[in-house]
Amino acid sequence: MRVDDYEDRTIKLAHVVGGRLRFALRASDLTCAADLARVAGVSRSAASLWLSGTRLPSTVALVAVSSALHVSCDWILGVTKNPGRPQLQTPQGRSREGAESI
């Protein structure tokens, strides 16, 4: 993959992530970039850059944000269309929420 292709994909992904974070933020208890920053453990300016589609969150921040917003990391990243968190099956056949059971 050429560097230009990688940069183009990164820019597109940042826009998808920013849009989905804005959507999920409006549907949650959190109201602003400062709230998002607090749950992710980052600065308000970092959260603002995510929301504007300028930067991507780290993996650790992405997991924290997805948990706080009650959406899956896959949805934030544009992998799935369903924002809900996946249900995993335990060996006993009972379902448990994705991140909490890993």
Protein backbone atom coordinates (compact mmCIF):
# COMPACT_ATOMS: atom_id res chain seq x y z
CA MET A 1 0.00 0.00 0.00
CA ARG A 2 1.34 3.41 -0.91
CA VAL A 3 1.78 6.06 1.78
CA ASP A 4 -0.83 8.26 0.08
CA ASP A 5 -3.37 5.42 0.20
CA TYR A 6 -2.67 4.86 3.88
CA GLU A 7 -3.08 8.57 4.65
CA ASP A 8 -6.32 8.76 2.64
CA ARG A 9 -7.75 5.76 4.51
CA THR A 10 -6.71 7.24 7.86
CA ILE A 11 -8.38 10.55 7.04
CA LYS A 12 -11.59 8.79 5.96
CA LEU A 13 -11.58 6.64 9.10
CA ALA A 14 -11.09 9.70 11.32
CA HIS A 15 -14.16 11.30 9.71
CA VAL A 16 -16.24 8.14 10.26
CA VAL A 17 -15.11 7.88 13.89
CA GLY A 18 -15.78 11.57 14.51
CA GLY A 19 -19.29 11.35 13.09
CA ARG A 20 -20.15 8.26 15.04
CA LEU A 21 -18.75 9.68 18.27
CA ARG A 22 -20.85 12.85 17.78
CA PHE A 23 -23.95 10.74 17.13
CA ALA A 24 -23.36 8.52 20.18
CA LEU A 25 -22.53 11.52 22.37
CA ARG A 26 -25.90 13.13 21.53
CA ALA A 27 -27.68 9.89 22.45
CA SER A 28 -25.86 9.46 25.77
CA ASP A 29 -25.65 11.02 29.22
CA LEU A 30 -22.45 12.78 28.13
CA THR A 31 -22.92 16.24 26.68
CA CYS A 32 -19.60 17.62 25.46
CA ALA A 33 -15.98 16.97 24.56
CA ALA A 34 -14.99 17.53 28.19
CA ASP A 35 -17.27 14.66 29.30
CA LEU A 36 -15.87 12.41 26.58
CA ALA A 37 -12.32 13.35 27.58
CA ARG A 38 -13.03 12.55 31.23
CA VAL A 39 -14.26 9.00 30.52
CA ALA A 40 -11.40 8.35 28.09
CA GLY A 41 -8.75 9.78 30.39
CA VAL A 42 -7.49 12.30 27.85
CA SER A 43 -7.45 16.07 27.45
CA ARG A 44 -10.49 17.97 26.23
CA SER A 45 -8.53 19.04 23.17
CA ALA A 46 -7.80 15.40 22.25
CA ALA A 47 -11.51 14.53 22.51
CA SER A 48 -12.36 17.61 20.43
CA LEU A 49 -9.97 16.41 17.72
CA TRP A 50 -11.74 13.01 17.67
CA LEU A 51 -15.16 14.64 17.45
CA SER A 52 -14.03 16.90 14.61
CA GLY A 53 -12.65 13.92 12.66
CA THR A 54 -9.10 15.27 12.81
CA ARG A 55 -7.50 12.55 14.95
CA LEU A 56 -8.21 8.96 15.96
CA PRO A 57 -8.41 7.78 19.58
CA SER A 58 -5.92 5.24 20.88
CA THR A 59 -7.10 1.68 21.35
CA VAL A 60 -7.35 2.13 25.13
CA ALA A 61 -9.32 5.37 24.74
CA LEU A 62 -11.58 3.76 22.12
CA VAL A 63 -12.51 0.94 24.51
CA ALA A 64 -13.21 3.40 27.35
CA VAL A 65 -15.33 5.62 25.11
CA SER A 66 -17.30 2.72 23.64
CA SER A 67 -18.09 1.48 27.13
CA ALA A 68 -19.16 4.93 28.35
CA LEU A 69 -21.31 5.53 25.27
CA HIS A 70 -22.77 1.99 25.33
CA VAL A 71 -21.76 1.25 21.74
CA SER A 72 -19.31 -1.23 20.24
CA CYS A 73 -15.80 -0.37 19.10
CA ASP A 74 -16.68 -1.97 15.76
CA TRP A 75 -19.54 0.48 15.30
CA ILE A 76 -17.40 3.50 16.19
CA LEU A 77 -14.82 2.33 13.63
CA GLY A 78 -17.47 1.85 10.94
CA VAL A 79 -17.08 -1.93 10.79
CA THR A 80 -20.73 -2.60 11.63
CA LYS A 81 -23.96 -0.68 11.14
CA ASN A 82 -25.43 -1.79 14.48
CA PRO A 83 -24.21 0.38 17.38
CA GLY A 84 -25.15 -2.22 20.00
CA ARG A 85 -22.53 -4.12 21.89
CA PRO A 86 -22.21 -7.76 20.79
CA GLN A 87 -23.44 -10.51 23.03
CA LEU A 88 -20.94 -13.31 23.62
CA GLN A 89 -21.96 -16.79 24.63
CA THR A 90 -20.38 -18.28 27.73
CA PRO A 91 -19.55 -21.98 27.77
CA GLN A 92 -22.77 -22.53 29.75
CA GLY A 93 -24.79 -20.90 26.95
CA ARG A 94 -25.66 -17.72 28.87
CA SER A 95 -25.01 -14.46 27.07
CA ARG A 96 -22.80 -11.74 28.48
CA GLU A 97 -21.86 -8.32 27.15
CA GLY A 98 -18.75 -8.26 24.97
CA ALA A 99 -16.03 -6.27 26.72
CA GLU A 100 -17.03 -7.19 30.26
CA SER A 101 -16.72 -10.94 29.63
CA ILE A 102 -13.27 -10.87 28.06
